Amino acid sequence: MPNFKERFRPGLVVRWKPSAESVSDSKENLAAVLCPYTEEAHVQAFSGSLESKVNQAYQGSQQYICATVSSGTLANTYEINLWRQVVIDVKDMEAEVLLEYDPATRYYHTTV
């Protein structure tokens, strides 16, 4: 199975170690990958073949714009906050985390 850093895609949830200046309110620092963080990738995404250009950007990028994942009000639950974004460097990403959505509670739970 390939390393998670070799198969970035939108929606990938990662555990990361924040730098000293980063602020995180979660006991586990989790984030959902949204898109590569490069000026060039954002410009290319809006001109021409969106899918191929975004895929190329994902393969070459070293930083990603990610949505923060915070603790839910119930024990062992999480919420994805799309409006709270952070730029995370690949070297700060430690592991992929699998989250499963529970429609009854409207929270995410880690899967085993």
PDB file of N, CA and C in Angstrom:
ATOM      1  N   MET A   1       0.851  -1.189   0.000  1.00  0.00           N
ATOM      2  CA  MET A   1       0.000   0.000   0.000  1.00  0.00           C
ATOM      3  C   MET A   1       0.889   1.241   0.000  1.00  0.00           C
ATOM      4  N   PRO A   2       0.630   2.197  -0.889  1.00  0.00           N
ATOM      5  CA  PRO A   2       1.487   3.377  -0.963  1.00  0.00           C
ATOM      6  C   PRO A   2       1.330   4.282   0.263  1.00  0.00           C
ATOM      7  N   ASN A   3       2.382   5.011   0.533  1.00  0.00           N
ATOM      8  CA  ASN A   3       2.384   5.981   1.617  1.00  0.00           C
ATOM      9  C   ASN A   3       1.311   7.034   1.346  1.00  0.00           C
ATOM     10  N   PHE A   4       0.610   7.495   2.386  1.00  0.00           N
ATOM     11  CA  PHE A   4      -0.460   8.474   2.179  1.00  0.00           C
ATOM     12  C   PHE A   4       0.057   9.764   1.556  1.00  0.00           C
ATOM     13  N   LYS A   5       1.322  10.091   1.742  1.00  0.00           N
ATOM     14  CA  LYS A   5       1.884  11.318   1.170  1.00  0.00           C
ATOM     15  C   LYS A   5       2.056  11.210  -0.340  1.00  0.00           C
ATOM     16  N   GLU A   6       1.946  10.002  -0.886  1.00  0.00           N
ATOM     17  CA  GLU A   6       2.072   9.796  -2.328  1.00  0.00           C
ATOM     18  C   GLU A   6       0.713   9.835  -3.031  1.00  0.00           C
ATOM     19  N   ARG A   7      -0.377   9.933  -2.289  1.00  0.00           N
ATOM     20  CA  ARG A   7      -1.707   9.899  -2.905  1.00  0.00           C
ATOM     21  C   ARG A   7      -2.647  10.952  -2.321  1.00  0.00           C
ATOM     22  N   PHE A   8      -2.168  12.173  -2.274  1.00  0.00           N
ATOM     23  CA  PHE A   8      -3.005  13.266  -1.783  1.00  0.00           C
ATOM     24  C   PHE A   8      -4.220  13.447  -2.668  1.00  0.00           C
ATOM     25  N   ARG A   9      -5.334  13.799  -2.048  1.00  0.00           N
ATOM     26  CA  ARG A   9      -6.577  14.058  -2.765  1.00  0.00           C
ATOM     27  C   ARG A   9      -7.445  14.923  -1.870  1.00  0.00           C
ATOM     28  N   PRO A  10      -8.385  15.637  -2.439  1.00  0.00           N
ATOM     29  CA  PRO A  10      -9.303  16.421  -1.607  1.00  0.00           C
ATOM     30  C   PRO A  10     -10.071  15.490  -0.670  1.00  0.00           C
ATOM     31  N   GLY A  11     -10.189  15.888   0.581  1.00  0.00           N
ATOM     32  CA  GLY A  11     -10.929  15.092   1.555  1.00  0.00           C
ATOM     33  C   GLY A  11     -10.066  14.174   2.402  1.00  0.00           C
ATOM     34  N   LEU A  12      -8.801  13.996   2.035  1.00  0.00           N
ATOM     35  CA  LEU A  12      -7.900  13.178   2.834  1.00  0.00           C
ATOM     36  C   LEU A  12      -7.752  13.826   4.205  1.00  0.00           C
ATOM     37  N   VAL A  13      -7.950  13.073   5.267  1.00  0.00           N
ATOM     38  CA  VAL A  13      -7.811  13.608   6.624  1.00  0.00           C
ATOM     39  C   VAL A  13      -6.471  13.136   7.178  1.00  0.00           C
ATOM     40  N   VAL A  14      -5.693  14.071   7.715  1.00  0.00           N
ATOM     41  CA  VAL A  14      -4.365  13.758   8.238  1.00  0.00           C
ATOM     42  C   VAL A  14      -4.223  14.237   9.677  1.00  0.00           C
ATOM     43  N   ARG A  15      -3.365  13.520  10.412  1.00  0.00           N
ATOM     44  CA  ARG A  15      -2.933  13.997  11.726  1.00  0.00           C
ATOM     45  C   ARG A  15      -1.628  14.744  11.473  1.00  0.00           C
ATOM     46  N   TRP A  16      -1.490  15.915  12.075  1.00  0.00           N
ATOM     47  CA  TRP A  16      -0.315  16.740  11.835  1.00  0.00           C
ATOM     48  C   TRP A  16       0.188  17.343  13.128  1.00  0.00           C
ATOM     49  N   LYS A  17       1.457  17.710  13.126  1.00  0.00           N
ATOM     50  CA  LYS A  17       2.042  18.380  14.289  1.00  0.00           C
ATOM     51  C   LYS A  17       2.147  19.864  13.974  1.00  0.00           C
ATOM     52  N   PRO A  18       1.385  20.686  14.710  1.00  0.00           N
ATOM     53  CA  PRO A  18       1.406  22.131  14.430  1.00  0.00           C
ATOM     54  C   PRO A  18       2.716  22.767  14.879  1.00  0.00           C
ATOM     55  N   SER A  19       3.101  23.802  14.161  1.00  0.00           N
ATOM     56  CA  SER A  19       4.281  24.559  14.569  1.00  0.00           C
ATOM     57  C   SER A  19       3.924  25.412  15.778  1.00  0.00           C
ATOM     58  N   ALA A  20       4.905  26.065  16.350  1.00  0.00           N
ATOM     59  CA  ALA A  20       4.699  26.862  17.570  1.00  0.00           C
ATOM     60  C   ALA A  20       3.679  27.973  17.353  1.00  0.00           C
ATOM     61  N   GLU A  21       3.631  28.565  16.152  1.00  0.00           N
ATOM     62  CA  GLU A  21       2.714  29.682  15.914  1.00  0.00           C
ATOM     63  C   GLU A  21       1.305  29.224  15.535  1.00  0.00           C
ATOM     64  N   SER A  22       1.105  27.928  15.283  1.00  0.00           N
ATOM     65  CA  SER A  22      -0.225  27.422  14.930  1.00  0.00           C
ATOM     66  C   SER A  22      -1.092  27.292  16.170  1.00  0.00           C
ATOM     67  N   VAL A  23      -2.383  27.503  15.973  1.00  0.00           N
ATOM     68  CA  VAL A  23      -3.336  27.379  17.072  1.00  0.00           C
ATOM     69  C   VAL A  23      -4.285  26.238  16.730  1.00  0.00           C
ATOM     70  N   SER A  24      -4.465  25.323  17.668  1.00  0.00           N
ATOM     71  CA  SER A  24      -5.378  24.211  17.449  1.00  0.00           C
ATOM     72  C   SER A  24      -6.120  23.933  18.740  1.00  0.00           C
ATOM     73  N   ASP A  25      -7.457  23.745  18.651  1.00  0.00           N
ATOM     74  CA  ASP A  25      -8.248  23.481  19.844  1.00  0.00           C
ATOM     75  C   ASP A  25      -8.609  22.008  19.980  1.00  0.00           C
ATOM     76  N   SER A  26      -8.050  21.170  19.152  1.00  0.00           N
ATOM     77  CA  SER A  26      -8.362  19.743  19.183  1.00  0.00           C
ATOM     78  C   SER A  26      -7.283  18.992  19.942  1.00  0.00           C
ATOM     79  N   LYS A  27      -7.687  17.934  20.654  1.00  0.00           N
ATOM     80  CA  LYS A  27      -6.694  17.127  21.358  1.00  0.00           C
ATOM     81  C   LYS A  27      -5.818  16.367  20.360  1.00  0.00           C
ATOM     82  N   GLU A  28      -6.411  15.948  19.248  1.00  0.00           N
ATOM     83  CA  GLU A  28      -5.663  15.378  18.138  1.00  0.00           C
ATOM     84  C   GLU A  28      -5.677  16.432  17.041  1.00  0.00           C
ATOM     85  N   ASN A  29      -4.543  16.770  16.518  1.00  0.00           N
ATOM     86  CA  ASN A  29      -4.491  17.774  15.464  1.00  0.00           C
ATOM     87  C   ASN A  29      -4.808  17.111  14.135  1.00  0.00           C
ATOM     88  N   LEU A  30      -6.062  17.256  13.707  1.00  0.00           N
ATOM     89  CA  LEU A  30      -6.522  16.663  12.460  1.00  0.00           C
ATOM     90  C   LEU A  30      -6.914  17.768  11.492  1.00  0.00           C
ATOM     91  N   ALA A  31      -6.740  17.480  10.208  1.00  0.00           N
ATOM     92  CA  ALA A  31      -7.123  18.433   9.169  1.00  0.00           C
ATOM     93  C   ALA A  31      -7.524  17.670   7.921  1.00  0.00           C
ATOM     94  N   ALA A  32      -8.482  18.225   7.167  1.00  0.00           N
ATOM     95  CA  ALA A  32      -8.929  17.642   5.906  1.00  0.00           C
ATOM     96  C   ALA A  32      -8.298  18.417   4.761  1.00  0.00           C
ATOM     97  N   VAL A  33      -7.579  17.731   3.885  1.00  0.00           N
ATOM     98  CA  VAL A  33      -6.910  18.363   2.750  1.00  0.00           C
ATOM     99  C   VAL A  33      -7.952  18.906   1.777  1.00  0.00           C
ATOM    100  N   LEU A  34      -7.793  20.168   1.393  1.00  0.00           N
ATOM    101  CA  LEU A  34      -8.701  20.781   0.426  1.00  0.00           C
ATOM    102  C   LEU A  34      -8.045  20.939  -0.940  1.00  0.00           C
ATOM    103  N   CYS A  35      -6.875  21.604  -0.986  1.00  0.00           N
ATOM    104  CA  CYS A  35      -6.201  21.826  -2.260  1.00  0.00           C
ATOM    105  C   CYS A  35      -4.750  22.209  -2.017  1.00  0.00           C
ATOM    106  N   PRO A  36      -3.911  22.118  -3.058  1.00  0.00           N
ATOM    107  CA  PRO A  36      -2.506  22.531  -2.913  1.00  0.00           C
ATOM    108  C   PRO A  36      -2.418  24.030  -2.654  1.00  0.00           C
ATOM    109  N   TYR A  37      -1.401  24.436  -1.925  1.00  0.00           N
ATOM    110  CA  TYR A  37      -1.182  25.852  -1.644  1.00  0.00           C
ATOM    111  C   TYR A  37      -0.049  26.352  -2.531  1.00  0.00           C
ATOM    112  N   THR A  38      -0.417  26.808  -3.715  1.00  0.00           N
ATOM    113  CA  THR A  38       0.529  27.475  -4.615  1.00  0.00           C
ATOM    114  C   THR A  38      -0.260  28.493  -5.416  1.00  0.00           C
ATOM    115  N   GLU A  39       0.340  29.611  -5.683  1.00  0.00           N
ATOM    116  CA  GLU A  39      -0.300  30.639  -6.506  1.00  0.00           C
ATOM    117  C   GLU A  39      -0.634  30.060  -7.883  1.00  0.00           C
ATOM    118  N   GLU A  40       0.304  29.332  -8.449  1.00  0.00           N
ATOM    119  CA  GLU A  40       0.147  28.780  -9.783  1.00  0.00           C
ATOM    120  C   GLU A  40      -1.036  27.811  -9.859  1.00  0.00           C
ATOM    121  N   ALA A  41      -1.221  26.975  -8.859  1.00  0.00           N
ATOM    122  CA  ALA A  41      -2.308  25.984  -8.869  1.00  0.00           C
ATOM    123  C   ALA A  41      -3.665  26.661  -8.858  1.00  0.00           C
ATOM    124  N   HIS A  42      -3.813  27.752  -8.097  1.00  0.00           N
ATOM    125  CA  HIS A  42      -5.100  28.437  -8.036  1.00  0.00           C
ATOM    126  C   HIS A  42      -5.430  29.112  -9.361  1.00  0.00           C
ATOM    127  N   VAL A  43      -4.446  29.678 -10.022  1.00  0.00           N
ATOM    128  CA  VAL A  43      -4.674  30.324 -11.306  1.00  0.00           C
ATOM    129  C   VAL A  43      -5.014  29.270 -12.362  1.00  0.00           C
ATOM    130  N   GLN A  44      -4.279  28.167 -12.386  1.00  0.00           N
ATOM    131  CA  GLN A  44      -4.508  27.115 -13.372  1.00  0.00           C
ATOM    132  C   GLN A  44      -5.874  26.461 -13.198  1.00  0.00           C
ATOM    133  N   ALA A  45      -6.341  26.345 -11.981  1.00  0.00           N
ATOM    134  CA  ALA A  45      -7.606  25.662 -11.720  1.00  0.00           C
ATOM    135  C   ALA A  45      -8.773  26.366 -12.404  1.00  0.00           C
ATOM    136  N   PHE A  46      -8.652  27.658 -12.644  1.00  0.00           N
ATOM    137  CA  PHE A  46      -9.753  28.398 -13.247  1.00  0.00           C
ATOM    138  C   PHE A  46      -9.579  28.629 -14.742  1.00  0.00           C
ATOM    139  N   SER A  47      -8.542  28.037 -15.325  1.00  0.00           N
ATOM    140  CA  SER A  47      -8.353  28.204 -16.769  1.00  0.00           C
ATOM    141  C   SER A  47      -8.070  26.854 -17.414  1.00  0.00           C
ATOM    142  N   GLY A  48      -8.927  26.450 -18.320  1.00  0.00           N
ATOM    143  CA  GLY A  48      -8.677  25.221 -19.064  1.00  0.00           C
ATOM    144  C   GLY A  48      -9.112  23.966 -18.346  1.00  0.00           C
ATOM    145  N   SER A  49      -8.349  22.904 -18.535  1.00  0.00           N
ATOM    146  CA  SER A  49      -8.685  21.580 -18.014  1.00  0.00           C
ATOM    147  C   SER A  49      -8.468  21.526 -16.511  1.00  0.00           C
ATOM    148  N   LEU A  50      -9.527  21.705 -15.771  1.00  0.00           N
ATOM    149  CA  LEU A  50      -9.450  21.761 -14.303  1.00  0.00           C
ATOM    150  C   LEU A  50      -8.881  20.485 -13.707  1.00  0.00           C
ATOM    151  N   GLU A  51      -9.420  19.342 -14.092  1.00  0.00           N
ATOM    152  CA  GLU A  51      -9.033  18.089 -13.442  1.00  0.00           C
ATOM    153  C   GLU A  51      -7.558  17.765 -13.609  1.00  0.00           C
ATOM    154  N   SER A  52      -7.031  17.837 -14.822  1.00  0.00           N
ATOM    155  CA  SER A  52      -5.632  17.471 -15.034  1.00  0.00           C
ATOM    156  C   SER A  52      -4.688  18.462 -14.366  1.00  0.00           C
ATOM    157  N   LYS A  53      -5.028  19.739 -14.382  1.00  0.00           N
ATOM    158  CA  LYS A  53      -4.144  20.734 -13.769  1.00  0.00           C
ATOM    159  C   LYS A  53      -4.149  20.624 -12.245  1.00  0.00           C
ATOM    160  N   VAL A  54      -5.286  20.334 -11.660  1.00  0.00           N
ATOM    161  CA  VAL A  54      -5.343  20.166 -10.206  1.00  0.00           C
ATOM    162  C   VAL A  54      -4.586  18.911  -9.797  1.00  0.00           C
ATOM    163  N   ASN A  55      -4.722  17.823 -10.573  1.00  0.00           N
ATOM    164  CA  ASN A  55      -3.983  16.601 -10.263  1.00  0.00           C
ATOM    165  C   ASN A  55      -2.477  16.835 -10.328  1.00  0.00           C
ATOM    166  N   GLN A  56      -2.021  17.592 -11.322  1.00  0.00           N
ATOM    167  CA  GLN A  56      -0.597  17.913 -11.419  1.00  0.00           C
ATOM    168  C   GLN A  56      -0.159  18.739 -10.217  1.00  0.00           C
ATOM    169  N   ALA A  57      -0.977  19.675  -9.790  1.00  0.00           N
ATOM    170  CA  ALA A  57      -0.641  20.511  -8.645  1.00  0.00           C
ATOM    171  C   ALA A  57      -0.535  19.681  -7.371  1.00  0.00           C
ATOM    172  N   TYR A  58      -1.429  18.712  -7.192  1.00  0.00           N
ATOM    173  CA  TYR A  58      -1.379  17.863  -5.999  1.00  0.00           C
ATOM    174  C   TYR A  58      -0.094  17.059  -5.951  1.00  0.00           C
ATOM    175  N   GLN A  59       0.370  16.578  -7.093  1.00  0.00           N
ATOM    176  CA  GLN A  59       1.565  15.742  -7.110  1.00  0.00           C
ATOM    177  C   GLN A  59       2.828  16.529  -6.795  1.00  0.00           C
ATOM    178  N   GLY A  60       2.868  17.810  -7.132  1.00  0.00           N
ATOM    179  CA  GLY A  60       4.100  18.567  -6.954  1.00  0.00           C
ATOM    180  C   GLY A  60       4.130  19.491  -5.757  1.00  0.00           C
ATOM    181  N   SER A  61       3.028  19.654  -5.075  1.00  0.00           N
ATOM    182  CA  SER A  61       2.961  20.632  -3.994  1.00  0.00           C
ATOM    183  C   SER A  61       3.579  20.116  -2.704  1.00  0.00           C
ATOM    184  N   GLN A  62       4.110  21.036  -1.928  1.00  0.00           N
ATOM    185  CA  GLN A  62       4.669  20.690  -0.624  1.00  0.00           C
ATOM    186  C   GLN A  62       3.829  21.245   0.523  1.00  0.00           C
ATOM    187  N   GLN A  63       2.864  22.099   0.216  1.00  0.00           N
ATOM    188  CA  GLN A  63       1.960  22.659   1.214  1.00  0.00           C
ATOM    189  C   GLN A  63       0.533  22.554   0.704  1.00  0.00           C
ATOM    190  N   TYR A  64      -0.395  22.361   1.656  1.00  0.00           N
ATOM    191  CA  TYR A  64      -1.796  22.205   1.291  1.00  0.00           C
ATOM    192  C   TYR A  64      -2.685  23.074   2.172  1.00  0.00           C
ATOM    193  N   ILE A  65      -3.740  23.617   1.564  1.00  0.00           N
ATOM    194  CA  ILE A  65      -4.763  24.315   2.333  1.00  0.00           C
ATOM    195  C   ILE A  65      -5.672  23.224   2.885  1.00  0.00           C
ATOM    196  N   CYS A  66      -5.886  23.242   4.204  1.00  0.00           N
ATOM    197  CA  CYS A  66      -6.661  22.194   4.860  1.00  0.00           C
ATOM    198  C   CYS A  66      -7.733  22.817   5.745  1.00  0.00           C
ATOM    199  N   ALA A  67      -8.851  22.117   5.869  1.00  0.00           N
ATOM    200  CA  ALA A  67      -9.907  22.516   6.799  1.00  0.00           C
ATOM    201  C   ALA A  67      -9.584  21.903   8.153  1.00  0.00           C
ATOM    202  N   THR A  68      -9.766  22.668   9.202  1.00  0.00           N
ATOM    203  CA  THR A  68      -9.477  22.130  10.527  1.00  0.00           C
ATOM    204  C   THR A  68     -10.562  21.143  10.945  1.00  0.00           C
ATOM    205  N   VAL A  69     -10.158  20.175  11.727  1.00  0.00           N
ATOM    206  CA  VAL A  69     -11.075  19.188  12.293  1.00  0.00           C
ATOM    207  C   VAL A  69     -11.001  19.369  13.803  1.00  0.00           C
ATOM    208  N   SER A  70     -12.144  19.688  14.412  1.00  0.00           N
ATOM    209  CA  SER A  70     -12.161  19.940  15.854  1.00  0.00           C
ATOM    210  C   SER A  70     -12.968  18.878  16.575  1.00  0.00           C
ATOM    211  N   SER A  71     -12.803  18.813  17.874  1.00  0.00           N
ATOM    212  CA  SER A  71     -13.548  17.868  18.703  1.00  0.00           C
ATOM    213  C   SER A  71     -15.010  18.252  18.724  1.00  0.00           C
ATOM    214  N   GLY A  72     -15.884  17.246  18.662  1.00  0.00           N
ATOM    215  CA  GLY A  72     -17.320  17.478  18.759  1.00  0.00           C
ATOM    216  C   GLY A  72     -17.741  17.569  20.216  1.00  0.00           C
ATOM    217  N   THR A  73     -19.006  17.839  20.456  1.00  0.00           N
ATOM    218  CA  THR A  73     -19.492  17.950  21.830  1.00  0.00           C
ATOM    219  C   THR A  73     -19.677  16.579  22.481  1.00  0.00           C
ATOM    220  N   LEU A  74     -19.878  15.548  21.675  1.00  0.00           N
ATOM    221  CA  LEU A  74     -19.962  14.187  22.205  1.00  0.00           C
ATOM    222  C   LEU A  74     -18.564  13.594  22.295  1.00  0.00           C
ATOM    223  N   ALA A  75     -18.378  12.636  23.182  1.00  0.00           N
ATOM    224  CA  ALA A  75     -17.069  11.998  23.357  1.00  0.00           C
ATOM    225  C   ALA A  75     -16.638  11.298  22.075  1.00  0.00           C
ATOM    226  N   ASN A  76     -15.373  11.442  21.722  1.00  0.00           N
ATOM    227  CA  ASN A  76     -14.763  10.800  20.554  1.00  0.00           C
ATOM    228  C   ASN A  76     -15.462  11.134  19.236  1.00  0.00           C
ATOM    229  N   THR A  77     -15.917  12.365  19.100  1.00  0.00           N
ATOM    230  CA  THR A  77     -16.527  12.819  17.854  1.00  0.00           C
ATOM    231  C   THR A  77     -15.760  14.018  17.320  1.00  0.00           C
ATOM    232  N   TYR A  78     -15.918  14.259  16.009  1.00  0.00           N
ATOM    233  CA  TYR A  78     -15.194  15.340  15.357  1.00  0.00           C
ATOM    234  C   TYR A  78     -16.107  16.087  14.398  1.00  0.00           C
ATOM    235  N   GLU A  79     -15.768  17.348  14.164  1.00  0.00           N
ATOM    236  CA  GLU A  79     -16.460  18.190  13.190  1.00  0.00           C
ATOM    237  C   GLU A  79     -15.414  18.734  12.220  1.00  0.00           C
ATOM    238  N   ILE A  80     -15.760  18.760  10.932  1.00  0.00           N
ATOM    239  CA  ILE A  80     -14.871  19.357   9.935  1.00  0.00           C
ATOM    240  C   ILE A  80     -15.334  20.790   9.722  1.00  0.00           C
ATOM    241  N   ASN A  81     -14.437  21.732   9.952  1.00  0.00           N
ATOM    242  CA  ASN A  81     -14.745  23.157   9.853  1.00  0.00           C
ATOM    243  C   ASN A  81     -14.161  23.717   8.560  1.00  0.00           C
ATOM    244  N   LEU A  82     -14.954  23.700   7.501  1.00  0.00           N
ATOM    245  CA  LEU A  82     -14.460  24.169   6.201  1.00  0.00           C
ATOM    246  C   LEU A  82     -14.088  25.641   6.213  1.00  0.00           C
ATOM    247  N   TRP A  83     -14.700  26.429   7.063  1.00  0.00           N
ATOM    248  CA  TRP A  83     -14.452  27.871   7.110  1.00  0.00           C
ATOM    249  C   TRP A  83     -13.196  28.217   7.916  1.00  0.00           C
ATOM    250  N   ARG A  84     -12.653  27.258   8.661  1.00  0.00           N
ATOM    251  CA  ARG A  84     -11.410  27.468   9.409  1.00  0.00           C
ATOM    252  C   ARG A  84     -10.309  26.699   8.701  1.00  0.00           C
ATOM    253  N   GLN A  85      -9.494  27.428   7.969  1.00  0.00           N
ATOM    254  CA  GLN A  85      -8.480  26.777   7.150  1.00  0.00           C
ATOM    255  C   GLN A  85      -7.078  27.081   7.649  1.00  0.00           C
ATOM    256  N   VAL A  86      -6.193  26.154   7.372  1.00  0.00           N
ATOM    257  CA  VAL A  86      -4.799  26.285   7.763  1.00  0.00           C
ATOM    258  C   VAL A  86      -3.951  25.721   6.623  1.00  0.00           C
ATOM    259  N   VAL A  87      -2.760  26.292   6.428  1.00  0.00           N
ATOM    260  CA  VAL A  87      -1.826  25.763   5.434  1.00  0.00           C
ATOM    261  C   VAL A  87      -0.862  24.841   6.167  1.00  0.00           C
ATOM    262  N   ILE A  88      -0.774  23.591   5.700  1.00  0.00           N
ATOM    263  CA  ILE A  88       0.063  22.591   6.367  1.00  0.00           C
ATOM    264  C   ILE A  88       1.118  22.097   5.392  1.00  0.00           C
ATOM    265  N   ASP A  89       2.351  22.062   5.868  1.00  0.00           N
ATOM    266  CA  ASP A  89       3.457  21.544   5.077  1.00  0.00           C
ATOM    267  C   ASP A  89       3.436  20.018   5.137  1.00  0.00           C
ATOM    268  N   VAL A  90       3.797  19.374   4.046  1.00  0.00           N
ATOM    269  CA  VAL A  90       3.797  17.907   3.986  1.00  0.00           C
ATOM    270  C   VAL A  90       4.662  17.303   5.086  1.00  0.00           C
ATOM    271  N   LYS A  91       5.783  17.930   5.399  1.00  0.00           N
ATOM    272  CA  LYS A  91       6.679  17.374   6.420  1.00  0.00           C
ATOM    273  C   LYS A  91       6.048  17.374   7.817  1.00  0.00           C
ATOM    274  N   ASP A  92       5.006  18.177   8.029  1.00  0.00           N
ATOM    275  CA  ASP A  92       4.322  18.215   9.321  1.00  0.00           C
ATOM    276  C   ASP A  92       3.184  17.200   9.418  1.00  0.00           C
ATOM    277  N   MET A  93       2.878  16.527   8.317  1.00  0.00           N
ATOM    278  CA  MET A  93       1.801  15.535   8.316  1.00  0.00           C
ATOM    279  C   MET A  93       2.358  14.195   8.785  1.00  0.00           C
ATOM    280  N   GLU A  94       1.692  13.602   9.772  1.00  0.00           N
ATOM    281  CA  GLU A  94       2.204  12.373  10.376  1.00  0.00           C
ATOM    282  C   GLU A  94       1.532  11.105   9.868  1.00  0.00           C
ATOM    283  N   ALA A  95       0.209  11.129   9.696  1.00  0.00           N
ATOM    284  CA  ALA A  95      -0.507   9.916   9.303  1.00  0.00           C
ATOM    285  C   ALA A  95      -1.873  10.253   8.738  1.00  0.00           C
ATOM    286  N   GLU A  96      -2.401   9.325   7.958  1.00  0.00           N
ATOM    287  CA  GLU A  96      -3.767   9.452   7.461  1.00  0.00           C
ATOM    288  C   GLU A  96      -4.723   8.953   8.542  1.00  0.00           C
ATOM    289  N   VAL A  97      -5.850   9.634   8.676  1.00  0.00           N
ATOM    290  CA  VAL A  97      -6.868   9.239   9.650  1.00  0.00           C
ATOM    291  C   VAL A  97      -8.164   9.011   8.880  1.00  0.00           C
ATOM    292  N   LEU A  98      -8.796   7.879   9.134  1.00  0.00           N
ATOM    293  CA  LEU A  98     -10.056   7.573   8.464  1.00  0.00           C
ATOM    294  C   LEU A  98     -11.212   7.992   9.359  1.00  0.00           C
ATOM    295  N   LEU A  99     -12.050   8.874   8.827  1.00  0.00           N
ATOM    296  CA  LEU A  99     -13.226   9.326   9.560  1.00  0.00           C
ATOM    297  C   LEU A  99     -14.476   8.807   8.873  1.00  0.00           C
ATOM    298  N   GLU A 100     -15.464   8.436   9.675  1.00  0.00           N
ATOM    299  CA  GLU A 100     -16.745   7.965   9.154  1.00  0.00           C
ATOM    300  C   GLU A 100     -17.836   8.873   9.685  1.00  0.00           C
ATOM    301  N   TYR A 101     -18.710   9.319   8.791  1.00  0.00           N
ATOM    302  CA  TYR A 101     -19.786  10.233   9.162  1.00  0.00           C
ATOM    303  C   TYR A 101     -20.978   9.456   9.719  1.00  0.00           C
ATOM    304  N   ASP A 102     -21.524   9.937  10.836  1.00  0.00           N
ATOM    305  CA  ASP A 102     -22.709   9.336  11.452  1.00  0.00           C
ATOM    306  C   ASP A 102     -23.874  10.307  11.278  1.00  0.00           C
ATOM    307  N   PRO A 103     -24.813  10.011  10.362  1.00  0.00           N
ATOM    308  CA  PRO A 103     -25.918  10.947  10.111  1.00  0.00           C
ATOM    309  C   PRO A 103     -26.817  11.169  11.330  1.00  0.00           C
ATOM    310  N   ALA A 104     -26.903  10.196  12.212  1.00  0.00           N
ATOM    311  CA  ALA A 104     -27.768  10.341  13.391  1.00  0.00           C
ATOM    312  C   ALA A 104     -27.264  11.430  14.329  1.00  0.00           C
ATOM    313  N   THR A 105     -25.951  11.484  14.535  1.00  0.00           N
ATOM    314  CA  THR A 105     -25.387  12.487  15.446  1.00  0.00           C
ATOM    315  C   THR A 105     -24.842  13.703  14.708  1.00  0.00           C
ATOM    316  N   ARG A 106     -24.645  13.563  13.384  1.00  0.00           N
ATOM    317  CA  ARG A 106     -24.048  14.601  12.538  1.00  0.00           C
ATOM    318  C   ARG A 106     -22.605  14.904  12.922  1.00  0.00           C
ATOM    319  N   TYR A 107     -21.913  13.895  13.402  1.00  0.00           N
ATOM    320  CA  TYR A 107     -20.501  13.998  13.748  1.00  0.00           C
ATOM    321  C   TYR A 107     -19.716  12.931  12.994  1.00  0.00           C
ATOM    322  N   TYR A 108     -18.405  13.123  12.954  1.00  0.00           N
ATOM    323  CA  TYR A 108     -17.497  12.131  12.396  1.00  0.00           C
ATOM    324  C   TYR A 108     -16.896  11.338  13.543  1.00  0.00           C
ATOM    325  N   HIS A 109     -16.593  10.075  13.280  1.00  0.00           N
ATOM    326  CA  HIS A 109     -15.930   9.188  14.240  1.00  0.00           C
ATOM    327  C   HIS A 109     -14.749   8.554  13.530  1.00  0.00           C
ATOM    328  N   THR A 110     -13.688   8.263  14.278  1.00  0.00           N
ATOM    329  CA  THR A 110     -12.551   7.566  13.670  1.00  0.00           C
ATOM    330  C   THR A 110     -12.946   6.115  13.442  1.00  0.00           C
ATOM    331  N   THR A 111     -12.487   5.553  12.341  1.00  0.00           N
ATOM    332  CA  THR A 111     -12.772   4.148  12.037  1.00  0.00           C
ATOM    333  C   THR A 111     -11.570   3.314  12.424  1.00  0.00           C
ATOM    334  N   VAL A 112     -11.810   2.054  12.648  1.00  0.00           N
ATOM    335  CA  VAL A 112     -10.723   1.145  13.051  1.00  0.00           C
ATOM    336  C   VAL A 112     -10.264   0.317  11.887  1.00  0.00           C
TER     337      VAL A 112
END
